[in-house]
Amino acid sequence: MDTYKTENVVAEITAKIHPADKNIPDCRCNLVLTERHLFVLEDNFDGSFEEHYVIDIKFIDDITVSTPFNTDSTPKAGSAAFYNREASKREQFRESGSVITPFTSGGRFRRFARPKKYLEVVYNDDNYVKQHLFFDEWDKLPKGFICKFQKLKSN
C-alpha cells in the first residue's frame, strides 16, 4: 500500500489487536502509519477495510514494544496486560502443582515461559485521556515501524 486516503504510507505492519472494549472484535489488523495519522484497519477481504481507529500523530505519545506483565502493577481489567498476567499466573500455578515457586524439589531453577511482548500504542483520546492499544502476533518485527514513528514524531 503506497497511499491510504490520499496520504503517503510511511510504514505498515499486520498484528492481532487485543481490544480494551467490546466494540472492536479480537482480529488481525493492518497498522498503517502515514505522515499525519495511524490507521488501525481490519481487512474485509473484499477490497475494503473497516477502520477501527484513526489517530492523529500529534495525539500519539509513544509506540513501543512492551511487556505489560512486567511493567504494570495493576493492569486495567479487560486489557491485554490483565489477560497476560492472569494467564501467566494460571500457568505458574499449574506447572508448580499449586505452589508457585521458581525452584523444583531438586534445587534446579525452573524455567517459566517468557512474558508475552506487545506492540503498544499510547495515545490521548478526544477527551485527552491516555489510552493504550496492544498488538501481538506481528507479521514482521515492529522495530522498523517504531523507528519510522519516532522519526515522524521528531519532525
Protein backbone atom coordinates (compact mmCIF):
# COMPACT_ATOMS: atom_id res chain seq x y z
CA MET A 1 0.00 0.00 0.00
CA ASP A 2 1.64 3.25 -1.15
CA THR A 3 -1.16 5.59 -0.16
CA TYR A 4 -4.23 5.41 2.04
CA LYS A 5 -6.91 8.09 1.83
CA THR A 6 -4.56 10.27 -0.23
CA GLU A 7 -1.88 10.14 2.50
CA ASN A 8 1.54 8.63 1.79
CA VAL A 9 2.12 5.44 3.78
CA VAL A 10 5.35 5.63 5.81
CA ALA A 11 5.19 2.20 7.49
CA GLU A 12 2.84 -0.74 7.75
CA ILE A 13 2.58 -3.84 9.94
CA THR A 14 -0.05 -6.52 10.47
CA ALA A 15 -0.79 -7.68 14.01
CA LYS A 16 -3.54 -9.07 16.23
CA ILE A 17 -5.32 -6.45 18.32
CA HIS A 18 -6.33 -7.04 21.91
CA PRO A 19 -9.23 -4.61 22.28
CA ALA A 20 -9.99 -2.97 25.60
CA ASP A 21 -13.72 -2.77 24.87
CA LYS A 22 -16.34 -4.98 23.22
CA ASN A 23 -16.98 -2.57 20.32
CA ILE A 24 -13.96 -3.89 18.41
CA PRO A 25 -13.53 -7.59 17.66
CA ASP A 26 -10.41 -9.55 18.52
CA CYS A 27 -8.94 -9.66 14.99
CA ARG A 28 -5.84 -9.19 12.82
CA CYS A 29 -5.38 -5.56 11.84
CA ASN A 30 -3.21 -3.58 9.48
CA LEU A 31 -1.50 -0.71 11.26
CA VAL A 32 -0.89 1.91 8.60
CA LEU A 33 1.32 4.84 9.58
CA THR A 34 1.09 7.91 7.37
CA GLU A 35 2.65 11.33 7.77
CA ARG A 36 -0.43 12.55 9.68
CA HIS A 37 -2.30 9.52 11.08
CA LEU A 38 -2.12 5.99 12.41
CA PHE A 39 -4.89 3.88 10.91
CA VAL A 40 -5.89 0.59 12.54
CA LEU A 41 -7.74 -1.32 9.84
CA GLU A 42 -9.42 -4.70 9.61
CA ASP A 43 -9.31 -6.26 6.15
CA ASN A 44 -12.78 -7.34 4.98
CA PHE A 45 -11.15 -9.48 2.24
CA ASP A 46 -13.32 -7.88 -0.43
CA GLY A 47 -11.05 -4.95 -1.19
CA SER A 48 -12.45 -2.81 1.63
CA PHE A 49 -11.26 -2.11 5.16
CA GLU A 50 -13.03 -1.47 8.46
CA GLU A 51 -11.43 1.49 10.27
CA HIS A 52 -11.30 0.67 13.98
CA TYR A 53 -9.05 3.59 14.95
CA VAL A 54 -7.84 6.73 13.19
CA ILE A 55 -5.39 8.52 15.47
CA ASP A 56 -3.71 11.81 14.64
CA ILE A 57 0.08 11.55 15.04
CA LYS A 58 0.16 14.58 17.35
CA PHE A 59 -2.04 12.69 19.86
CA ILE A 60 0.23 9.63 20.00
CA ASP A 61 2.67 9.75 22.92
CA ASP A 62 4.60 6.62 22.04
CA ILE A 63 4.68 3.40 20.07
CA THR A 64 6.85 0.81 21.73
CA VAL A 65 7.30 -2.88 22.43
CA SER A 66 6.26 -3.57 25.99
CA THR A 67 5.81 -6.43 28.38
CA PRO A 68 2.74 -5.35 30.39
CA PHE A 69 3.13 -8.18 32.92
CA ASN A 70 6.48 -6.71 33.98
CA THR A 71 5.61 -3.02 33.69
CA ASP A 72 2.04 -2.67 35.03
CA SER A 73 1.45 -3.10 38.74
CA THR A 74 -2.34 -3.30 38.39
CA PRO A 75 -3.46 -3.61 34.78
CA LYS A 76 -6.93 -2.46 33.82
CA ALA A 77 -9.44 -5.32 33.76
CA GLY A 78 -10.12 -6.40 30.21
CA SER A 79 -6.83 -5.08 28.86
CA ALA A 80 -4.21 -7.24 27.20
CA ALA A 81 -1.97 -6.71 30.22
CA PHE A 82 -4.70 -8.07 32.51
CA TYR A 83 -5.21 -11.21 30.40
CA ASN A 84 -1.46 -11.74 30.05
CA ARG A 85 -0.98 -11.50 33.81
CA GLU A 86 -3.85 -13.86 34.60
CA ALA A 87 -2.69 -16.44 32.04
CA SER A 88 0.83 -16.31 33.44
CA LYS A 89 -0.46 -16.82 36.99
CA ARG A 90 -2.54 -19.82 35.91
CA GLU A 91 0.43 -21.32 34.04
CA GLN A 92 2.75 -20.94 37.04
CA PHE A 93 0.12 -22.40 39.37
CA ARG A 94 -0.47 -25.39 37.07
CA GLU A 95 3.24 -26.11 36.49
CA SER A 96 4.20 -25.92 40.14
CA GLY A 97 1.45 -28.23 41.43
CA SER A 98 -0.38 -25.48 43.35
CA VAL A 99 2.78 -23.98 44.84
CA ILE A 100 4.20 -21.03 42.96
CA THR A 101 7.94 -21.40 43.22
CA PRO A 102 10.85 -20.88 40.82
CA PHE A 103 12.66 -23.97 42.11
CA THR A 104 11.95 -27.65 41.77
CA SER A 105 12.41 -30.04 44.66
CA GLY A 106 15.85 -30.95 43.30
CA GLY A 107 17.06 -27.37 43.65
CA ARG A 108 17.23 -26.70 39.92
CA PHE A 109 15.93 -23.48 38.53
CA ARG A 110 12.59 -23.94 36.77
CA ARG A 111 12.27 -22.02 33.53
CA PHE A 112 8.90 -20.36 33.02
CA ALA A 113 7.73 -19.11 29.67
CA ARG A 114 8.84 -15.58 28.92
CA PRO A 115 6.19 -12.91 29.36
CA LYS A 116 4.49 -12.02 26.10
CA LYS A 117 5.60 -8.85 24.31
CA TYR A 118 3.16 -6.44 22.71
CA LEU A 119 3.37 -3.56 20.29
CA GLU A 120 1.83 -0.83 22.43
CA VAL A 121 0.36 2.41 21.12
CA VAL A 122 -0.04 5.07 23.83
CA TYR A 123 -2.26 7.96 22.75
CA ASN A 124 -4.67 10.59 24.05
CA ASP A 125 -8.30 10.20 23.03
CA ASP A 126 -10.74 13.02 22.17
CA ASN A 127 -11.17 13.79 25.88
CA TYR A 128 -7.37 13.89 26.42
CA VAL A 129 -7.46 10.67 28.42
CA LYS A 130 -4.43 8.42 27.95
CA GLN A 131 -5.35 5.17 26.16
CA HIS A 132 -3.34 2.05 25.31
CA LEU A 133 -3.72 -0.30 22.34
CA PHE A 134 -1.96 -3.67 22.43
CA PHE A 135 -0.99 -5.79 19.42
CA ASP A 136 0.86 -9.10 19.13
CA GLU A 137 1.45 -11.84 16.55
CA TRP A 138 3.18 -9.44 14.15
CA ASP A 139 3.90 -10.34 10.54
CA LYS A 140 7.36 -8.76 10.94
CA LEU A 141 9.39 -7.32 13.79
CA PRO A 142 7.99 -3.92 14.83
CA LYS A 143 11.39 -2.22 15.19
CA GLY A 144 11.20 -0.58 11.74
CA PHE A 145 7.63 0.57 12.36
CA ILE A 146 8.64 2.13 15.68
CA CYS A 147 11.69 3.85 14.13
CA LYS A 148 9.54 5.40 11.39
CA PHE A 149 7.08 6.68 14.00
CA GLN A 150 9.87 8.20 16.11
CA LYS A 151 11.29 9.89 13.02
CA LEU A 152 7.87 11.37 12.19
CA LYS A 153 7.33 12.49 15.79
CA SER A 154 10.72 14.24 15.95
CA ASN A 155 9.97 16.35 12.82
